[in-house]
Amino acid sequence: MGDLFDSPWKILIVAVVLIVLFGSKKLPHAARSLGQSMRILKREVQGLHEDGDVASIPAETEQLG
């Protein structure tokens, strides 16, 4: 079974459906909102990884000492 975006026709059909559903005036705002949401999610995930790294450092030093 092929990938969703393996052909240019599928990409064109998806784009047309999005334009019809949301309208050409709302698409830039929707894309901007989606981009902001993705940036927030990325920052939060990085923060969780950093918190996990900081939390694991004292545990490792206790085991060594």
PDB file of N, CA and C in Angstrom:
ATOM      1  N   MET A   1       0.847  -1.187   0.000  1.00  0.00           N
ATOM      2  CA  MET A   1       0.000   0.000   0.000  1.00  0.00           C
ATOM      3  C   MET A   1       0.886   1.242   0.000  1.00  0.00           C
ATOM      4  N   GLY A   2       0.561   2.210  -0.824  1.00  0.00           N
ATOM      5  CA  GLY A   2       1.389   3.399  -0.996  1.00  0.00           C
ATOM      6  C   GLY A   2       1.254   4.378   0.151  1.00  0.00           C
ATOM      7  N   ASP A   3       2.223   5.231   0.219  1.00  0.00           N
ATOM      8  CA  ASP A   3       2.221   6.292   1.209  1.00  0.00           C
ATOM      9  C   ASP A   3       1.185   7.347   0.813  1.00  0.00           C
ATOM     10  N   LEU A   4       0.715   8.133   1.783  1.00  0.00           N
ATOM     11  CA  LEU A   4      -0.321   9.130   1.498  1.00  0.00           C
ATOM     12  C   LEU A   4       0.168  10.186   0.509  1.00  0.00           C
ATOM     13  N   PHE A   5       1.426  10.600   0.623  1.00  0.00           N
ATOM     14  CA  PHE A   5       1.935  11.669  -0.220  1.00  0.00           C
ATOM     15  C   PHE A   5       2.966  11.170  -1.229  1.00  0.00           C
ATOM     16  N   ASP A   6       2.762   9.986  -1.765  1.00  0.00           N
ATOM     17  CA  ASP A   6       3.719   9.452  -2.719  1.00  0.00           C
ATOM     18  C   ASP A   6       3.506   9.972  -4.138  1.00  0.00           C
ATOM     19  N   SER A   7       2.385  10.618  -4.385  1.00  0.00           N
ATOM     20  CA  SER A   7       2.160  11.158  -5.722  1.00  0.00           C
ATOM     21  C   SER A   7       1.710  12.616  -5.620  1.00  0.00           C
ATOM     22  N   PRO A   8       2.090  13.437  -6.574  1.00  0.00           N
ATOM     23  CA  PRO A   8       1.690  14.846  -6.548  1.00  0.00           C
ATOM     24  C   PRO A   8       0.170  15.027  -6.612  1.00  0.00           C
ATOM     25  N   TRP A   9      -0.532  14.091  -7.249  1.00  0.00           N
ATOM     26  CA  TRP A   9      -1.987  14.208  -7.348  1.00  0.00           C
ATOM     27  C   TRP A   9      -2.639  14.106  -5.975  1.00  0.00           C
ATOM     28  N   LYS A  10      -2.116  13.243  -5.129  1.00  0.00           N
ATOM     29  CA  LYS A  10      -2.683  13.106  -3.783  1.00  0.00           C
ATOM     30  C   LYS A  10      -2.474  14.374  -2.971  1.00  0.00           C
ATOM     31  N   ILE A  11      -1.297  14.981  -3.114  1.00  0.00           N
ATOM     32  CA  ILE A  11      -1.023  16.231  -2.407  1.00  0.00           C
ATOM     33  C   ILE A  11      -1.971  17.324  -2.899  1.00  0.00           C
ATOM     34  N   LEU A  12      -2.192  17.382  -4.195  1.00  0.00           N
ATOM     35  CA  LEU A  12      -3.096  18.373  -4.774  1.00  0.00           C
ATOM     36  C   LEU A  12      -4.523  18.167  -4.281  1.00  0.00           C
ATOM     37  N   ILE A  13      -4.965  16.928  -4.228  1.00  0.00           N
ATOM     38  CA  ILE A  13      -6.326  16.637  -3.752  1.00  0.00           C
ATOM     39  C   ILE A  13      -6.481  17.047  -2.293  1.00  0.00           C
ATOM     40  N   VAL A  14      -5.489  16.737  -1.456  1.00  0.00           N
ATOM     41  CA  VAL A  14      -5.551  17.129  -0.045  1.00  0.00           C
ATOM     42  C   VAL A  14      -5.581  18.648   0.081  1.00  0.00           C
ATOM     43  N   ALA A  15      -4.784  19.348  -0.711  1.00  0.00           N
ATOM     44  CA  ALA A  15      -4.764  20.807  -0.664  1.00  0.00           C
ATOM     45  C   ALA A  15      -6.115  21.394  -1.064  1.00  0.00           C
ATOM     46  N   VAL A  16      -6.717  20.857  -2.109  1.00  0.00           N
ATOM     47  CA  VAL A  16      -8.030  21.349  -2.554  1.00  0.00           C
ATOM     48  C   VAL A  16      -9.081  21.095  -1.489  1.00  0.00           C
ATOM     49  N   VAL A  17      -9.057  19.934  -0.872  1.00  0.00           N
ATOM     50  CA  VAL A  17     -10.032  19.618   0.179  1.00  0.00           C
ATOM     51  C   VAL A  17      -9.864  20.578   1.356  1.00  0.00           C
ATOM     52  N   LEU A  18      -8.626  20.859   1.740  1.00  0.00           N
ATOM     53  CA  LEU A  18      -8.399  21.805   2.831  1.00  0.00           C
ATOM     54  C   LEU A  18      -8.906  23.197   2.492  1.00  0.00           C
ATOM     55  N   ILE A  19      -8.672  23.640   1.272  1.00  0.00           N
ATOM     56  CA  ILE A  19      -9.140  24.962   0.854  1.00  0.00           C
ATOM     57  C   ILE A  19     -10.663  25.016   0.857  1.00  0.00           C
ATOM     58  N   VAL A  20     -11.287  23.949   0.400  1.00  0.00           N
ATOM     59  CA  VAL A  20     -12.751  23.920   0.376  1.00  0.00           C
ATOM     60  C   VAL A  20     -13.313  23.892   1.795  1.00  0.00           C
ATOM     61  N   LEU A  21     -12.705  23.102   2.673  1.00  0.00           N
ATOM     62  CA  LEU A  21     -13.223  22.985   4.042  1.00  0.00           C
ATOM     63  C   LEU A  21     -13.030  24.264   4.844  1.00  0.00           C
ATOM     64  N   PHE A  22     -11.850  24.856   4.780  1.00  0.00           N
ATOM     65  CA  PHE A  22     -11.534  25.986   5.645  1.00  0.00           C
ATOM     66  C   PHE A  22     -11.634  27.332   4.955  1.00  0.00           C
ATOM     67  N   GLY A  23     -11.602  27.367   3.666  1.00  0.00           N
ATOM     68  CA  GLY A  23     -11.631  28.638   2.956  1.00  0.00           C
ATOM     69  C   GLY A  23     -10.242  29.238   2.872  1.00  0.00           C
ATOM     70  N   SER A  24     -10.008  29.980   1.837  1.00  0.00           N
ATOM     71  CA  SER A  24      -8.663  30.513   1.607  1.00  0.00           C
ATOM     72  C   SER A  24      -8.288  31.601   2.609  1.00  0.00           C
ATOM     73  N   LYS A  25      -9.270  32.261   3.215  1.00  0.00           N
ATOM     74  CA  LYS A  25      -8.963  33.318   4.176  1.00  0.00           C
ATOM     75  C   LYS A  25      -8.561  32.762   5.530  1.00  0.00           C
ATOM     76  N   LYS A  26      -9.086  31.603   5.908  1.00  0.00           N
ATOM     77  CA  LYS A  26      -8.783  31.043   7.225  1.00  0.00           C
ATOM     78  C   LYS A  26      -7.539  30.162   7.228  1.00  0.00           C
ATOM     79  N   LEU A  27      -7.089  29.725   6.075  1.00  0.00           N
ATOM     80  CA  LEU A  27      -5.934  28.824   6.031  1.00  0.00           C
ATOM     81  C   LEU A  27      -4.650  29.436   6.586  1.00  0.00           C
ATOM     82  N   PRO A  28      -4.283  30.684   6.264  1.00  0.00           N
ATOM     83  CA  PRO A  28      -3.057  31.239   6.854  1.00  0.00           C
ATOM     84  C   PRO A  28      -3.119  31.318   8.380  1.00  0.00           C
ATOM     85  N   HIS A  29      -4.269  31.693   8.905  1.00  0.00           N
ATOM     86  CA  HIS A  29      -4.434  31.765  10.362  1.00  0.00           C
ATOM     87  C   HIS A  29      -4.341  30.372  10.978  1.00  0.00           C
ATOM     88  N   ALA A  30      -4.953  29.388  10.342  1.00  0.00           N
ATOM     89  CA  ALA A  30      -4.903  28.014  10.844  1.00  0.00           C
ATOM     90  C   ALA A  30      -3.480  27.480  10.799  1.00  0.00           C
ATOM     91  N   ALA A  31      -2.754  27.767   9.730  1.00  0.00           N
ATOM     92  CA  ALA A  31      -1.367  27.313   9.616  1.00  0.00           C
ATOM     93  C   ALA A  31      -0.485  27.985  10.665  1.00  0.00           C
ATOM     94  N   ARG A  32      -0.712  29.264  10.907  1.00  0.00           N
ATOM     95  CA  ARG A  32       0.052  29.989  11.919  1.00  0.00           C
ATOM     96  C   ARG A  32      -0.214  29.415  13.308  1.00  0.00           C
ATOM     97  N   SER A  33      -1.472  29.131  13.606  1.00  0.00           N
ATOM     98  CA  SER A  33      -1.832  28.550  14.895  1.00  0.00           C
ATOM     99  C   SER A  33      -1.224  27.163  15.063  1.00  0.00           C
ATOM    100  N   LEU A  34      -1.241  26.381  14.008  1.00  0.00           N
ATOM    101  CA  LEU A  34      -0.643  25.046  14.062  1.00  0.00           C
ATOM    102  C   LEU A  34       0.865  25.139  14.297  1.00  0.00           C
ATOM    103  N   GLY A  35       1.515  26.074  13.631  1.00  0.00           N
ATOM    104  CA  GLY A  35       2.949  26.268  13.821  1.00  0.00           C
ATOM    105  C   GLY A  35       3.284  26.679  15.244  1.00  0.00           C
ATOM    106  N   GLN A  36       2.496  27.588  15.818  1.00  0.00           N
ATOM    107  CA  GLN A  36       2.722  28.010  17.193  1.00  0.00           C
ATOM    108  C   GLN A  36       2.518  26.843  18.150  1.00  0.00           C
ATOM    109  N   SER A  37       1.500  26.044  17.908  1.00  0.00           N
ATOM    110  CA  SER A  37       1.242  24.882  18.759  1.00  0.00           C
ATOM    111  C   SER A  37       2.382  23.882  18.689  1.00  0.00           C
ATOM    112  N   MET A  38       2.921  23.682  17.487  1.00  0.00           N
ATOM    113  CA  MET A  38       4.038  22.748  17.338  1.00  0.00           C
ATOM    114  C   MET A  38       5.287  23.270  18.053  1.00  0.00           C
ATOM    115  N   ARG A  39       5.535  24.590  17.997  1.00  0.00           N
ATOM    116  CA  ARG A  39       6.683  25.158  18.698  1.00  0.00           C
ATOM    117  C   ARG A  39       6.532  25.008  20.206  1.00  0.00           C
ATOM    118  N   ILE A  40       5.323  25.237  20.723  1.00  0.00           N
ATOM    119  CA  ILE A  40       5.072  25.086  22.156  1.00  0.00           C
ATOM    120  C   ILE A  40       5.284  23.636  22.575  1.00  0.00           C
ATOM    121  N   LEU A  41       4.758  22.707  21.787  1.00  0.00           N
ATOM    122  CA  LEU A  41       4.916  21.288  22.090  1.00  0.00           C
ATOM    123  C   LEU A  41       6.391  20.895  22.093  1.00  0.00           C
ATOM    124  N   LYS A  42       7.143  21.385  21.125  1.00  0.00           N
ATOM    125  CA  LYS A  42       8.567  21.067  21.030  1.00  0.00           C
ATOM    126  C   LYS A  42       9.317  21.592  22.254  1.00  0.00           C
ATOM    127  N   ARG A  43       9.002  22.835  22.660  1.00  0.00           N
ATOM    128  CA  ARG A  43       9.644  23.417  23.844  1.00  0.00           C
ATOM    129  C   ARG A  43       9.332  22.610  25.099  1.00  0.00           C
ATOM    130  N   GLU A  44       8.074  22.193  25.241  1.00  0.00           N
ATOM    131  CA  GLU A  44       7.676  21.434  26.422  1.00  0.00           C
ATOM    132  C   GLU A  44       8.350  20.067  26.456  1.00  0.00           C
ATOM    133  N   VAL A  45       8.451  19.418  25.316  1.00  0.00           N
ATOM    134  CA  VAL A  45       9.115  18.115  25.262  1.00  0.00           C
ATOM    135  C   VAL A  45      10.589  18.269  25.600  1.00  0.00           C
ATOM    136  N   GLN A  46      11.243  19.309  25.072  1.00  0.00           N
ATOM    137  CA  GLN A  46      12.651  19.548  25.404  1.00  0.00           C
ATOM    138  C   GLN A  46      12.805  19.834  26.890  1.00  0.00           C
ATOM    139  N   GLY A  47      11.865  20.571  27.466  1.00  0.00           N
ATOM    140  CA  GLY A  47      11.901  20.849  28.903  1.00  0.00           C
ATOM    141  C   GLY A  47      11.765  19.573  29.723  1.00  0.00           C
ATOM    142  N   LEU A  48      10.903  18.679  29.282  1.00  0.00           N
ATOM    143  CA  LEU A  48      10.757  17.410  29.991  1.00  0.00           C
ATOM    144  C   LEU A  48      12.033  16.580  29.911  1.00  0.00           C
ATOM    145  N   HIS A  49      12.679  16.584  28.746  1.00  0.00           N
ATOM    146  CA  HIS A  49      13.933  15.848  28.600  1.00  0.00           C
ATOM    147  C   HIS A  49      15.019  16.451  29.490  1.00  0.00           C
ATOM    148  N   GLU A  50      15.074  17.781  29.554  1.00  0.00           N
ATOM    149  CA  GLU A  50      16.066  18.439  30.401  1.00  0.00           C
ATOM    150  C   GLU A  50      15.792  18.151  31.865  1.00  0.00           C
ATOM    151  N   ASP A  51      14.520  18.173  32.274  1.00  0.00           N
ATOM    152  CA  ASP A  51      14.162  17.856  33.654  1.00  0.00           C
ATOM    153  C   ASP A  51      14.527  16.420  33.982  1.00  0.00           C
ATOM    154  N   GLY A  52      14.336  15.522  33.035  1.00  0.00           N
ATOM    155  CA  GLY A  52      14.697  14.122  33.245  1.00  0.00           C
ATOM    156  C   GLY A  52      16.195  13.953  33.394  1.00  0.00           C
ATOM    157  N   ASP A  53      16.975  14.705  32.617  1.00  0.00           N
ATOM    158  CA  ASP A  53      18.434  14.635  32.713  1.00  0.00           C
ATOM    159  C   ASP A  53      18.913  15.190  34.052  1.00  0.00           C
ATOM    160  N   VAL A  54      18.336  16.292  34.497  1.00  0.00           N
ATOM    161  CA  VAL A  54      18.730  16.906  35.766  1.00  0.00           C
ATOM    162  C   VAL A  54      18.345  15.991  36.924  1.00  0.00           C
ATOM    163  N   ALA A  55      17.199  15.350  36.855  1.00  0.00           N
ATOM    164  CA  ALA A  55      16.751  14.470  37.922  1.00  0.00           C
ATOM    165  C   ALA A  55      17.605  13.208  37.994  1.00  0.00           C
ATOM    166  N   SER A  56      18.139  12.759  36.876  1.00  0.00           N
ATOM    167  CA  SER A  56      18.932  11.529  36.887  1.00  0.00           C
ATOM    168  C   SER A  56      20.359  11.769  37.365  1.00  0.00           C
ATOM    169  N   ILE A  57      20.874  12.981  37.307  1.00  0.00           N
ATOM    170  CA  ILE A  57      22.251  13.267  37.719  1.00  0.00           C
ATOM    171  C   ILE A  57      22.442  13.052  39.224  1.00  0.00           C
ATOM    172  N   PRO A  58      21.591  13.589  40.114  1.00  0.00           N
ATOM    173  CA  PRO A  58      21.791  13.329  41.548  1.00  0.00           C
ATOM    174  C   PRO A  58      21.664  11.844  41.898  1.00  0.00           C
ATOM    175  N   ALA A  59      20.798  11.124  41.246  1.00  0.00           N
ATOM    176  CA  ALA A  59      20.646   9.705  41.515  1.00  0.00           C
ATOM    177  C   ALA A  59      21.921   8.958  41.155  1.00  0.00           C
ATOM    178  N   GLU A  60      22.568   9.345  40.072  1.00  0.00           N
ATOM    179  CA  GLU A  60      23.806   8.696  39.662  1.00  0.00           C
ATOM    180  C   GLU A  60      24.949   9.007  40.638  1.00  0.00           C
ATOM    181  N   THR A  61      25.021  10.241  41.154  1.00  0.00           N
ATOM    182  CA  THR A  61      26.087  10.602  42.068  1.00  0.00           C
ATOM    183  C   THR A  61      25.890   9.917  43.423  1.00  0.00           C
ATOM    184  N   GLU A  62      24.652   9.672  43.833  1.00  0.00           N
ATOM    185  CA  GLU A  62      24.393   8.968  45.070  1.00  0.00           C
ATOM    186  C   GLU A  62      24.845   7.517  44.962  1.00  0.00           C
ATOM    187  N   GLN A  63      24.669   6.915  43.801  1.00  0.00           N
ATOM    188  CA  GLN A  63      25.083   5.543  43.605  1.00  0.00           C
ATOM    189  C   GLN A  63      26.593   5.419  43.619  1.00  0.00           C
ATOM    190  N   LEU A  64      27.288   6.433  43.113  1.00  0.00           N
ATOM    191  CA  LEU A  64      28.750   6.391  43.069  1.00  0.00           C
ATOM    192  C   LEU A  64      29.356   6.617  44.459  1.00  0.00           C
ATOM    193  N   GLY A  65      28.700   7.432  45.282  1.00  0.00           N
ATOM    194  CA  GLY A  65      29.252   7.834  46.573  1.00  0.00           C
ATOM    195  C   GLY A  65      28.976   6.892  47.655  1.00  0.00           C
TER     196      GLY A  65
END
